[in-house]
Protein backbone atom coordinates (compact mmCIF):
# COMPACT_ATOMS: atom_id res chain seq x y z
CA MET A 1 -7.87 62.97 47.69
CA ASP A 2 -9.49 61.88 44.56
CA ASN A 3 -13.49 61.26 44.39
CA VAL A 4 -15.29 60.07 47.05
CA CYS A 5 -18.15 57.28 45.89
CA ILE A 6 -20.22 56.75 48.80
CA THR A 7 -23.43 53.99 48.29
CA VAL A 8 -26.30 54.60 50.36
CA ASP A 9 -27.99 51.70 51.38
CA THR A 10 -31.34 53.57 52.39
CA GLY A 11 -32.98 50.58 54.51
CA ILE A 12 -36.40 50.54 54.07
CA CYS A 13 -37.80 53.01 51.75
CA GLY A 14 -36.06 51.03 48.26
CA PHE A 15 -34.03 54.14 47.17
CA PRO A 16 -30.48 53.81 47.50
CA CYS A 17 -28.40 56.50 46.18
CA GLN A 18 -24.83 57.52 45.20
CA VAL A 19 -23.47 60.25 46.85
CA LYS A 20 -20.13 61.85 44.80
CA ALA A 21 -18.13 64.04 46.35
CA TRP A 22 -14.60 66.14 45.47
CA LYS A 23 -12.42 68.94 46.12
CA LYS A 24 -13.26 71.78 44.50
CA ASP A 25 -10.84 73.80 46.06
CA LYS A 26 -8.71 74.08 49.47
CA ARG A 27 -12.05 75.03 51.12
CA ILE A 28 -14.83 73.76 48.93
CA ALA A 29 -16.47 70.37 48.01
CA GLY A 30 -18.15 69.17 45.11
CA LEU A 31 -21.05 67.39 45.31
CA ASP A 32 -22.63 64.91 42.92
CA ILE A 33 -25.98 63.11 44.32
CA SER A 34 -27.57 60.47 41.87
CA GLY A 35 -29.68 57.13 41.45
CA SER A 36 -32.16 57.89 43.85
CA GLU A 37 -35.75 57.51 42.60
CA CYS A 38 -36.83 59.67 45.73
CA LYS A 39 -38.35 62.66 45.07
CA MET A 40 -37.03 63.94 48.41
CA ILE A 41 -33.58 63.33 47.98
CA GLN A 42 -33.95 64.64 44.24
CA LYS A 43 -35.09 67.40 45.75
CA LEU A 44 -31.60 67.73 48.13
CA SER A 45 -29.80 67.48 45.12
CA ALA A 46 -30.75 70.15 43.13
CA ALA A 47 -30.49 72.52 46.26
CA LEU A 48 -26.93 71.16 46.73
CA SER A 49 -23.83 71.30 44.89
CA GLU A 50 -21.23 72.18 46.64
CA LEU A 51 -20.45 72.54 50.51
CA SER A 52 -17.59 74.97 52.16
CA ILE A 53 -15.05 73.57 54.69
CA ASN A 54 -17.39 76.35 57.13
CA ASP A 55 -20.69 73.96 56.20
CA LEU A 56 -19.17 71.29 57.82
CA PHE A 57 -18.62 73.03 61.48
CA LEU A 58 -21.79 73.95 61.52
CA PRO A 59 -24.54 73.21 64.03
CA LEU A 60 -27.69 70.73 62.26
CA THR A 61 -30.03 73.49 62.63
CA LYS A 62 -27.50 75.94 60.50
CA ASN A 63 -25.92 73.78 57.47
CA PRO A 64 -27.26 73.53 54.94
CA ILE A 65 -27.10 69.83 54.13
CA PHE A 66 -29.82 69.77 57.06
CA ILE A 67 -31.41 72.25 56.61
CA HIS A 68 -32.29 71.43 52.10
CA ALA A 69 -33.30 68.08 53.87
CA GLU A 70 -35.67 69.27 55.68
CA ARG A 71 -37.03 71.94 53.34
CA ALA A 72 -36.86 68.54 50.90
CA ALA A 73 -38.97 67.07 53.60
CA CYS A 74 -36.44 63.54 54.03
CA HIS A 75 -37.54 61.48 56.28
CA LEU A 76 -35.70 62.48 60.33
CA ALA A 77 -33.92 58.91 59.91
CA CYS A 78 -33.01 59.50 56.45
CA PRO A 79 -29.38 58.14 56.04
CA VAL A 80 -28.31 60.01 53.25
CA PRO A 81 -27.41 63.49 54.27
CA VAL A 82 -25.12 62.14 56.53
CA ALA A 83 -23.36 60.38 53.52
CA VAL A 84 -23.29 63.93 51.54
CA ALA A 85 -21.44 65.33 54.76
CA LYS A 86 -19.04 62.38 55.32
CA ALA A 87 -18.06 62.35 51.77
CA ALA A 88 -17.71 66.48 52.16
CA GLU A 89 -15.03 65.90 54.84
CA VAL A 90 -12.96 63.25 53.45
CA ALA A 91 -12.74 65.12 50.19
CA LEU A 92 -11.50 68.66 51.90
CA GLY A 93 -9.09 65.78 53.89
CA LEU A 94 -10.95 66.12 57.36
CA ALA A 95 -11.30 62.68 57.78
CA VAL A 96 -10.78 59.49 56.90
CA ALA A 97 -12.92 56.66 54.38
CA LYS A 98 -14.01 54.42 57.14
CA GLU A 99 -17.59 52.30 56.25
CA VAL A 100 -20.19 53.34 58.74
CA THR A 101 -23.07 50.87 59.83
CA LEU A 102 -26.16 50.97 61.51
CA ARG A 103 -27.25 47.04 62.18
CA PHE A 104 -30.26 46.12 64.73
CA GLU A 105 -29.34 43.41 67.07
CA LYS A 106 -32.41 40.73 67.97
CA GLY A 107 -32.76 40.37 71.51
CA CYS A 108 -31.10 42.91 72.70
CA ASP A 109 -31.25 43.93 76.61
């Protein structure tokens, strides 16, 4: 797989960004999180430059994506850490590129 690029519309905060991932070798994905004016996402970006295939199978409490997101004080519902995980999975051939959507529905009972 070539470079994987995900544009993240972060919602109400208004700080969209782009997550890029690429296969550095068989078990390592390189990462670049760019374009966000959010200080927390900038800290997350500085802390994450690559992920191993093993990282992608760790539980949330031991996963470097979410550890660094917590250290950067990312909001609990920020979609950027999930986009990072998905981009790395696709870059390493562990998942297919498929759009993900959160949609608020009016009048759900």
